[in-house]
Amino acid sequence: MTATQRIAGFAVGLAAVFGIAFGIGHAVGPWDHAPWAPTTETVVHQQHME
């Protein structure tokens, strides 16, 4: 088995794993069905000056 074949096999396997994970994620969907609302909180950072 040449290096090219090993790299190609790894790439095909990696693509298959990510494809399966994407398919499962798409089928299951998000767990939180609440609408997304941006937060309005602002954080004020104080500068430390010495």
Protein backbone atom coordinates (compact mmCIF):
# COMPACT_ATOMS: atom_id res chain seq x y z
CA MET A 1 0.00 0.00 0.00
CA THR A 2 1.52 3.28 -1.08
CA ALA A 3 1.42 6.53 0.81
CA THR A 4 -0.97 7.99 -1.74
CA GLN A 5 -3.43 5.15 -1.19
CA ARG A 6 -3.19 5.53 2.58
CA ILE A 7 -3.84 9.27 2.41
CA ALA A 8 -6.74 8.77 0.00
CA GLY A 9 -8.22 6.10 2.26
CA PHE A 10 -7.89 8.38 5.27
CA ALA A 11 -9.57 11.25 3.39
CA VAL A 12 -12.44 9.00 2.27
CA GLY A 13 -12.91 7.67 5.81
CA LEU A 14 -12.82 11.15 7.29
CA ALA A 15 -15.36 12.42 4.76
CA ALA A 16 -17.61 9.44 5.55
CA VAL A 17 -17.46 10.09 9.30
CA PHE A 18 -18.25 13.79 8.89
CA GLY A 19 -21.00 12.99 6.39
CA ILE A 20 -22.63 10.54 8.78
CA ALA A 21 -22.33 13.00 11.67
CA PHE A 22 -23.88 15.76 9.54
CA GLY A 23 -26.73 13.46 8.51
CA ILE A 24 -27.47 12.47 12.10
CA GLY A 25 -27.32 16.08 13.24
CA HIS A 26 -29.65 17.15 10.46
CA ALA A 27 -32.11 14.34 11.27
CA VAL A 28 -32.12 15.02 15.02
CA GLY A 29 -32.17 18.79 14.75
CA PRO A 30 -31.56 21.25 17.56
CA TRP A 31 -32.49 20.20 21.08
CA ASP A 32 -33.63 23.67 22.11
CA HIS A 33 -36.71 24.71 20.16
CA ALA A 34 -37.04 28.10 21.86
CA PRO A 35 -36.50 31.05 19.54
CA TRP A 36 -33.09 32.63 19.72
CA ALA A 37 -33.07 36.01 21.41
CA PRO A 38 -29.94 38.14 21.60
CA THR A 39 -28.93 39.32 25.03
CA THR A 40 -29.04 43.02 25.73
CA GLU A 41 -26.58 42.93 28.59
CA THR A 42 -23.51 45.06 28.23
CA VAL A 43 -20.36 44.44 30.15
CA VAL A 44 -18.20 47.35 31.20
CA HIS A 45 -14.55 46.55 31.60
CA GLN A 46 -12.41 48.67 33.85
CA GLN A 47 -8.89 49.31 32.77
CA HIS A 48 -6.18 48.67 35.28
CA MET A 49 -3.75 51.57 35.22
CA GLU A 50 -0.56 51.73 37.22
